[in-house]
Amino acid sequence: MPPELDDTPEEWPVSDSQVVYDGGWVVRVREDQVRRPGHPEEEPFTRLVVEHSGAVVVLALDDEDRVLCLWQYRHAIGRRLVQLPAGLLDVPGEDPLVAARRELWEEAGLEASQWTHLTSTYSSPGFTAELSHYYLARGVTAVDRGDFEPQHEEAEMQAAWVPFGELHDAVAQGRLSDAHLAIAVLTAGSRLAPAPRRGGADHRRSIA
């Protein structure tokens, strides 16, 4: 019989742990010496763990079944990606929904009246504890961002509304490579009722 189809808590023994980089609340890197349970005779093995504060991702859907997308440069991979409004949990213990509302306001100048938690996933559990929370935002309206000024990569972002069906097809065809975008789109597509309209004319509208 295979194991139950559920993730389960489990802690393997750690004989030593040292912080090798401390970036504050957002990111720390530690080096753990780990042992297999029930095998005290074996030498411990080293695992680097990136502690991460977590993140939120927002799929904002308007009344025409269009998604607010961002075109943003990402230095680590040298590419401009199609992404969704997203950001870090900047404050220890911050409610992910509060962070999601903030990111939608900061990056898109929008607020939403309806929020649905889609899922939460570990980005790359082989080396980091980063947990990302995905939300569907509906009933979106434009709001004033006041004196908030985007900086660095965000200052060069472009934003536009893209039909959900077109975006879903681009993900399914492998044309878009951002994992957060793919998870949000595929999860929302399986949850929305009725499903967003597919195909049809290109009704993208820039909001930049």
C-alpha atoms as a PDB file:
ATOM      1  CA  MET A   1       0.000   0.000   0.000  1.00  0.00           C
ATOM      2  CA  PRO A   2       1.344   3.471  -0.851  1.00  0.00           C
ATOM      3  CA  PRO A   3       1.508   6.113   1.897  1.00  0.00           C
ATOM      4  CA  GLU A   4      -1.463   8.417   2.440  1.00  0.00           C
ATOM      5  CA  LEU A   5      -1.649  11.218  -0.125  1.00  0.00           C
ATOM      6  CA  ASP A   6      -0.958  13.977   2.384  1.00  0.00           C
ATOM      7  CA  ASP A   7       2.047  16.053   3.419  1.00  0.00           C
ATOM      8  CA  THR A   8       2.944  15.267   7.032  1.00  0.00           C
ATOM      9  CA  PRO A   9       5.124  17.005   9.645  1.00  0.00           C
ATOM     10  CA  GLU A  10       8.453  15.289  10.311  1.00  0.00           C
ATOM     11  CA  GLU A  11      11.700  16.406  11.943  1.00  0.00           C
ATOM     12  CA  TRP A  12      15.010  14.592  11.417  1.00  0.00           C
ATOM     13  CA  PRO A  13      17.707  14.956  14.106  1.00  0.00           C
ATOM     14  CA  VAL A  14      20.070  17.928  13.719  1.00  0.00           C
ATOM     15  CA  SER A  15      23.402  17.538  15.502  1.00  0.00           C
ATOM     16  CA  ASP A  16      24.609  21.077  14.738  1.00  0.00           C
ATOM     17  CA  SER A  17      23.209  24.239  13.155  1.00  0.00           C
ATOM     18  CA  GLN A  18      24.930  27.512  12.299  1.00  0.00           C
ATOM     19  CA  VAL A  19      23.683  30.712  10.654  1.00  0.00           C
ATOM     20  CA  VAL A  20      26.063  31.486   7.777  1.00  0.00           C
ATOM     21  CA  TYR A  21      24.197  34.532   6.453  1.00  0.00           C
ATOM     22  CA  ASP A  22      21.750  36.788   8.272  1.00  0.00           C
ATOM     23  CA  GLY A  23      19.647  39.056   6.093  1.00  0.00           C
ATOM     24  CA  GLY A  24      17.220  39.894   8.888  1.00  0.00           C
ATOM     25  CA  TRP A  25      13.588  38.851   8.913  1.00  0.00           C
ATOM     26  CA  VAL A  26      13.301  38.298   5.160  1.00  0.00           C
ATOM     27  CA  VAL A  27      16.174  35.834   4.472  1.00  0.00           C
ATOM     28  CA  ARG A  28      18.654  33.878   6.577  1.00  0.00           C
ATOM     29  CA  VAL A  29      20.876  30.984   5.508  1.00  0.00           C
ATOM     30  CA  ARG A  30      21.788  28.279   7.991  1.00  0.00           C
ATOM     31  CA  GLU A  31      23.955  25.167   7.723  1.00  0.00           C
ATOM     32  CA  ASP A  32      22.504  22.078   9.406  1.00  0.00           C
ATOM     33  CA  GLN A  33      24.166  18.755  10.151  1.00  0.00           C
ATOM     34  CA  VAL A  34      21.344  16.242   9.685  1.00  0.00           C
ATOM     35  CA  ARG A  35      21.067  12.559  10.634  1.00  0.00           C
ATOM     36  CA  ARG A  36      18.703   9.888   9.394  1.00  0.00           C
ATOM     37  CA  PRO A  37      16.277   8.820  12.128  1.00  0.00           C
ATOM     38  CA  GLY A  38      17.242   5.490  13.674  1.00  0.00           C
ATOM     39  CA  HIS A  39      20.776   5.488  12.228  1.00  0.00           C
ATOM     40  CA  PRO A  40      23.016   7.020  14.913  1.00  0.00           C
ATOM     41  CA  GLU A  41      26.045   5.185  13.504  1.00  0.00           C
ATOM     42  CA  GLU A  42      25.969   7.168  10.253  1.00  0.00           C
ATOM     43  CA  GLU A  43      27.875  10.416   9.768  1.00  0.00           C
ATOM     44  CA  PRO A  44      25.617  13.494   9.575  1.00  0.00           C
ATOM     45  CA  PHE A  45      25.184  15.163   6.201  1.00  0.00           C
ATOM     46  CA  THR A  46      25.132  18.894   5.482  1.00  0.00           C
ATOM     47  CA  ARG A  47      22.088  20.788   4.288  1.00  0.00           C
ATOM     48  CA  LEU A  48      21.963  24.521   3.586  1.00  0.00           C
ATOM     49  CA  VAL A  49      18.561  25.955   4.435  1.00  0.00           C
ATOM     50  CA  VAL A  50      17.313  29.361   3.292  1.00  0.00           C
ATOM     51  CA  GLU A  51      14.905  30.688   5.900  1.00  0.00           C
ATOM     52  CA  HIS A  52      12.395  32.973   4.195  1.00  0.00           C
ATOM     53  CA  SER A  53       9.604  35.159   5.515  1.00  0.00           C
ATOM     54  CA  GLY A  54       7.125  33.935   2.908  1.00  0.00           C
ATOM     55  CA  ALA A  55       5.303  35.669   0.083  1.00  0.00           C
ATOM     56  CA  VAL A  56       1.888  36.408  -1.408  1.00  0.00           C
ATOM     57  CA  VAL A  57       0.685  36.250  -5.009  1.00  0.00           C
ATOM     58  CA  VAL A  58      -2.507  37.886  -6.273  1.00  0.00           C
ATOM     59  CA  LEU A  59      -4.506  36.904  -9.352  1.00  0.00           C
ATOM     60  CA  ALA A  60      -6.769  39.928  -9.838  1.00  0.00           C
ATOM     61  CA  LEU A  61      -9.709  39.151 -12.136  1.00  0.00           C
ATOM     62  CA  ASP A  62     -12.001  41.903 -13.460  1.00  0.00           C
ATOM     63  CA  ASP A  63     -15.640  41.682 -14.574  1.00  0.00           C
ATOM     64  CA  GLU A  64     -14.544  40.801 -18.137  1.00  0.00           C
ATOM     65  CA  ASP A  65     -12.518  37.771 -16.943  1.00  0.00           C
ATOM     66  CA  ARG A  66      -9.217  39.539 -17.508  1.00  0.00           C
ATOM     67  CA  VAL A  67      -6.192  39.163 -15.260  1.00  0.00           C
ATOM     68  CA  LEU A  68      -3.939  42.015 -14.209  1.00  0.00           C
ATOM     69  CA  CYS A  69      -0.440  41.021 -15.415  1.00  0.00           C
ATOM     70  CA  LEU A  70       2.921  42.679 -14.839  1.00  0.00           C
ATOM     71  CA  TRP A  71       5.955  42.610 -17.126  1.00  0.00           C
ATOM     72  CA  GLN A  72       8.940  42.820 -14.756  1.00  0.00           C
ATOM     73  CA  TYR A  73      12.722  42.448 -15.147  1.00  0.00           C
ATOM     74  CA  ARG A  74      14.292  39.774 -12.922  1.00  0.00           C
ATOM     75  CA  HIS A  75      18.035  40.218 -12.553  1.00  0.00           C
ATOM     76  CA  ALA A  76      18.812  36.703 -11.262  1.00  0.00           C
ATOM     77  CA  ILE A  77      17.736  35.133 -14.562  1.00  0.00           C
ATOM     78  CA  GLY A  78      18.275  38.048 -16.937  1.00  0.00           C
ATOM     79  CA  ARG A  79      14.723  38.027 -18.265  1.00  0.00           C
ATOM     80  CA  ARG A  80      11.596  40.155 -18.227  1.00  0.00           C
ATOM     81  CA  LEU A  81       8.810  37.891 -17.014  1.00  0.00           C
ATOM     82  CA  VAL A  82       5.050  38.068 -17.175  1.00  0.00           C
ATOM     83  CA  GLN A  83       4.050  37.921 -13.515  1.00  0.00           C
ATOM     84  CA  LEU A  84       1.261  38.747 -11.076  1.00  0.00           C
ATOM     85  CA  PRO A  85       1.248  41.297  -8.243  1.00  0.00           C
ATOM     86  CA  ALA A  86       3.279  39.674  -5.472  1.00  0.00           C
ATOM     87  CA  GLY A  87       5.518  40.477  -2.555  1.00  0.00           C
ATOM     88  CA  LEU A  88       7.081  39.438   0.708  1.00  0.00           C
ATOM     89  CA  LEU A  89       5.570  39.176   4.154  1.00  0.00           C
ATOM     90  CA  ASP A  90       7.590  42.134   5.369  1.00  0.00           C
ATOM     91  CA  VAL A  91       6.593  42.043   9.041  1.00  0.00           C
ATOM     92  CA  PRO A  92       7.008  39.052  11.396  1.00  0.00           C
ATOM     93  CA  GLY A  93       3.625  37.401  11.928  1.00  0.00           C
ATOM     94  CA  GLU A  94       1.960  39.414   9.160  1.00  0.00           C
ATOM     95  CA  ASP A  95      -1.390  38.063   7.935  1.00  0.00           C
ATOM     96  CA  PRO A  96      -0.880  36.951   4.297  1.00  0.00           C
ATOM     97  CA  LEU A  97      -4.200  38.499   3.263  1.00  0.00           C
ATOM     98  CA  VAL A  98      -3.083  41.871   4.624  1.00  0.00           C
ATOM     99  CA  ALA A  99       0.122  41.563   2.610  1.00  0.00           C
ATOM    100  CA  ALA A 100      -1.839  40.565  -0.500  1.00  0.00           C
ATOM    101  CA  ARG A 101      -4.046  43.647  -0.235  1.00  0.00           C
ATOM    102  CA  ARG A 102      -0.937  45.824   0.173  1.00  0.00           C
ATOM    103  CA  GLU A 103       0.831  44.347  -2.848  1.00  0.00           C
ATOM    104  CA  LEU A 104      -2.215  44.749  -5.079  1.00  0.00           C
ATOM    105  CA  TRP A 105      -2.431  48.390  -4.026  1.00  0.00           C
ATOM    106  CA  GLU A 106       1.302  49.117  -4.355  1.00  0.00           C
ATOM    107  CA  GLU A 107       2.008  47.307  -7.623  1.00  0.00           C
ATOM    108  CA  ALA A 108      -1.275  47.824  -9.458  1.00  0.00           C
ATOM    109  CA  GLY A 109      -3.155  50.673  -7.779  1.00  0.00           C
ATOM    110  CA  LEU A 110      -6.125  48.372  -7.191  1.00  0.00           C
ATOM    111  CA  GLU A 111      -8.288  47.149  -4.346  1.00  0.00           C
ATOM    112  CA  ALA A 112     -10.697  44.205  -4.349  1.00  0.00           C
ATOM    113  CA  SER A 113     -13.974  43.525  -2.569  1.00  0.00           C
ATOM    114  CA  GLN A 114     -13.769  39.708  -2.817  1.00  0.00           C
ATOM    115  CA  TRP A 115     -10.779  37.629  -1.771  1.00  0.00           C
ATOM    116  CA  THR A 116     -10.415  33.851  -2.105  1.00  0.00           C
ATOM    117  CA  HIS A 117      -7.429  31.875  -0.839  1.00  0.00           C
ATOM    118  CA  LEU A 118      -6.478  29.529  -3.690  1.00  0.00           C
ATOM    119  CA  THR A 119      -3.600  27.551  -2.174  1.00  0.00           C
ATOM    120  CA  SER A 120      -0.270  27.823  -0.352  1.00  0.00           C
ATOM    121  CA  THR A 121       2.853  26.122  -1.703  1.00  0.00           C
ATOM    122  CA  TYR A 122       6.523  25.714  -0.831  1.00  0.00           C
ATOM    123  CA  SER A 123       8.570  27.307  -3.598  1.00  0.00           C
ATOM    124  CA  SER A 124      11.564  24.934  -3.498  1.00  0.00           C
ATOM    125  CA  PRO A 125      11.527  22.771  -0.351  1.00  0.00           C
ATOM    126  CA  GLY A 126      14.844  21.108  -1.163  1.00  0.00           C
ATOM    127  CA  PHE A 127      16.633  24.161   0.211  1.00  0.00           C
ATOM    128  CA  THR A 128      14.212  26.842   1.387  1.00  0.00           C
ATOM    129  CA  ALA A 129      11.274  27.127   3.751  1.00  0.00           C
ATOM    130  CA  GLU A 130       9.649  29.863   1.647  1.00  0.00           C
ATOM    131  CA  LEU A 131       5.863  29.447   1.701  1.00  0.00           C
ATOM    132  CA  SER A 132       3.831  31.395  -0.867  1.00  0.00           C
ATOM    133  CA  HIS A 133       0.128  32.147  -0.421  1.00  0.00           C
ATOM    134  CA  TYR A 134      -2.052  32.550  -3.518  1.00  0.00           C
ATOM    135  CA  TYR A 135      -5.205  34.656  -3.666  1.00  0.00           C
ATOM    136  CA  LEU A 136      -7.927  35.316  -6.218  1.00  0.00           C
ATOM    137  CA  ALA A 137      -9.108  38.938  -6.026  1.00  0.00           C
ATOM    138  CA  ARG A 138     -12.403  39.970  -7.615  1.00  0.00           C
ATOM    139  CA  GLY A 139     -14.503  43.128  -7.561  1.00  0.00           C
ATOM    140  CA  VAL A 140     -11.410  45.177  -8.365  1.00  0.00           C
ATOM    141  CA  THR A 141     -11.426  48.959  -8.576  1.00  0.00           C
ATOM    142  CA  ALA A 142      -8.697  51.520  -9.150  1.00  0.00           C
ATOM    143  CA  VAL A 143      -7.477  53.468  -6.116  1.00  0.00           C
ATOM    144  CA  ASP A 144      -5.064  56.315  -5.564  1.00  0.00           C
ATOM    145  CA  ARG A 145      -1.605  55.181  -4.465  1.00  0.00           C
ATOM    146  CA  GLY A 146      -0.987  58.528  -2.803  1.00  0.00           C
ATOM    147  CA  ASP A 147       2.702  59.354  -2.495  1.00  0.00           C
ATOM    148  CA  PHE A 148       3.843  55.745  -3.027  1.00  0.00           C
ATOM    149  CA  GLU A 149       6.606  55.665  -5.647  1.00  0.00           C
ATOM    150  CA  PRO A 150       7.784  52.355  -7.184  1.00  0.00           C
ATOM    151  CA  GLN A 151      11.557  51.899  -7.093  1.00  0.00           C
ATOM    152  CA  HIS A 152      14.223  49.783  -8.786  1.00  0.00           C
ATOM    153  CA  GLU A 153      12.727  47.051 -11.024  1.00  0.00           C
ATOM    154  CA  GLU A 154       9.189  48.008 -10.047  1.00  0.00           C
ATOM    155  CA  ALA A 155       9.727  51.494 -11.467  1.00  0.00           C
ATOM    156  CA  GLU A 156      10.137  49.894 -14.929  1.00  0.00           C
ATOM    157  CA  MET A 157       7.188  47.506 -14.735  1.00  0.00           C
ATOM    158  CA  GLN A 158       4.489  47.485 -17.390  1.00  0.00           C
ATOM    159  CA  ALA A 159       0.953  46.386 -16.544  1.00  0.00           C
ATOM    160  CA  ALA A 160      -1.977  45.243 -18.664  1.00  0.00           C
ATOM    161  CA  TRP A 161      -5.222  43.276 -18.436  1.00  0.00           C
ATOM    162  CA  VAL A 162      -5.050  39.915 -20.247  1.00  0.00           C
ATOM    163  CA  PRO A 163      -8.030  37.601 -20.935  1.00  0.00           C
ATOM    164  CA  PHE A 164      -7.896  34.635 -18.557  1.00  0.00           C
ATOM    165  CA  GLY A 165      -8.238  32.119 -21.392  1.00  0.00           C
ATOM    166  CA  GLU A 166      -5.308  33.649 -23.260  1.00  0.00           C
ATOM    167  CA  LEU A 167      -3.166  33.624 -20.129  1.00  0.00           C
ATOM    168  CA  HIS A 168      -4.139  30.019 -19.310  1.00  0.00           C
ATOM    169  CA  ASP A 169      -3.179  28.913 -22.822  1.00  0.00           C
ATOM    170  CA  ALA A 170       0.189  30.686 -22.609  1.00  0.00           C
ATOM    171  CA  VAL A 171       0.949  28.858 -19.350  1.00  0.00           C
ATOM    172  CA  ALA A 172      -0.199  25.476 -20.711  1.00  0.00           C
ATOM    173  CA  GLN A 173       1.893  25.943 -23.861  1.00  0.00           C
ATOM    174  CA  GLY A 174       5.058  26.712 -21.854  1.00  0.00           C
ATOM    175  CA  ARG A 175       5.385  30.264 -23.169  1.00  0.00           C
ATOM    176  CA  LEU A 176       5.376  31.731 -19.642  1.00  0.00           C
ATOM    177  CA  SER A 177       7.851  30.386 -17.102  1.00  0.00           C
ATOM    178  CA  ASP A 178       7.100  32.122 -13.795  1.00  0.00           C
ATOM    179  CA  ALA A 179       6.085  29.396 -11.329  1.00  0.00           C
ATOM    180  CA  HIS A 180       3.903  31.688  -9.220  1.00  0.00           C
ATOM    181  CA  LEU A 181       1.956  32.753 -12.298  1.00  0.00           C
ATOM    182  CA  ALA A 182       1.474  29.148 -13.410  1.00  0.00           C
ATOM    183  CA  ILE A 183       0.294  27.946 -10.003  1.00  0.00           C
ATOM    184  CA  ALA A 184      -2.158  30.817  -9.623  1.00  0.00           C
ATOM    185  CA  VAL A 185      -3.603  30.481 -13.124  1.00  0.00           C
ATOM    186  CA  LEU A 186      -3.964  26.684 -13.070  1.00  0.00           C
ATOM    187  CA  THR A 187      -5.401  26.646  -9.550  1.00  0.00           C
ATOM    188  CA  ALA A 188      -7.845  29.451 -10.291  1.00  0.00           C
ATOM    189  CA  GLY A 189      -8.872  27.728 -13.514  1.00  0.00           C
ATOM    190  CA  SER A 190      -9.854  24.611 -11.581  1.00  0.00           C
ATOM    191  CA  ARG A 191     -11.766  26.566  -8.934  1.00  0.00           C
ATOM    192  CA  LEU A 192     -13.659  29.239 -10.853  1.00  0.00           C
ATOM    193  CA  ALA A 193     -17.346  28.606 -11.484  1.00  0.00           C
ATOM    194  CA  PRO A 194     -18.433  29.293 -14.083  1.00  0.00           C
ATOM    195  CA  ALA A 195     -15.069  28.942 -15.814  1.00  0.00           C
ATOM    196  CA  PRO A 196     -13.678  32.097 -17.427  1.00  0.00           C
ATOM    197  CA  ARG A 197     -14.388  32.501 -21.102  1.00  0.00           C
ATOM    198  CA  ARG A 198     -11.764  30.940 -23.361  1.00  0.00           C
ATOM    199  CA  GLY A 199     -10.560  32.179 -26.739  1.00  0.00           C
ATOM    200  CA  GLY A 200     -12.115  35.092 -28.577  1.00  0.00           C
ATOM    201  CA  ALA A 201     -10.582  38.377 -29.568  1.00  0.00           C
ATOM    202  CA  ASP A 202      -7.591  39.944 -27.874  1.00  0.00           C
ATOM    203  CA  HIS A 203      -8.978  42.453 -25.359  1.00  0.00           C
ATOM    204  CA  ARG A 204      -5.778  43.388 -23.569  1.00  0.00           C
ATOM    205  CA  ARG A 205      -5.843  46.879 -22.179  1.00  0.00           C
ATOM    206  CA  SER A 206      -2.761  48.566 -20.770  1.00  0.00           C
ATOM    207  CA  ILE A 207      -3.096  50.332 -17.451  1.00  0.00           C
ATOM    208  CA  ALA A 208       0.460  51.636 -17.362  1.00  0.00           C
END
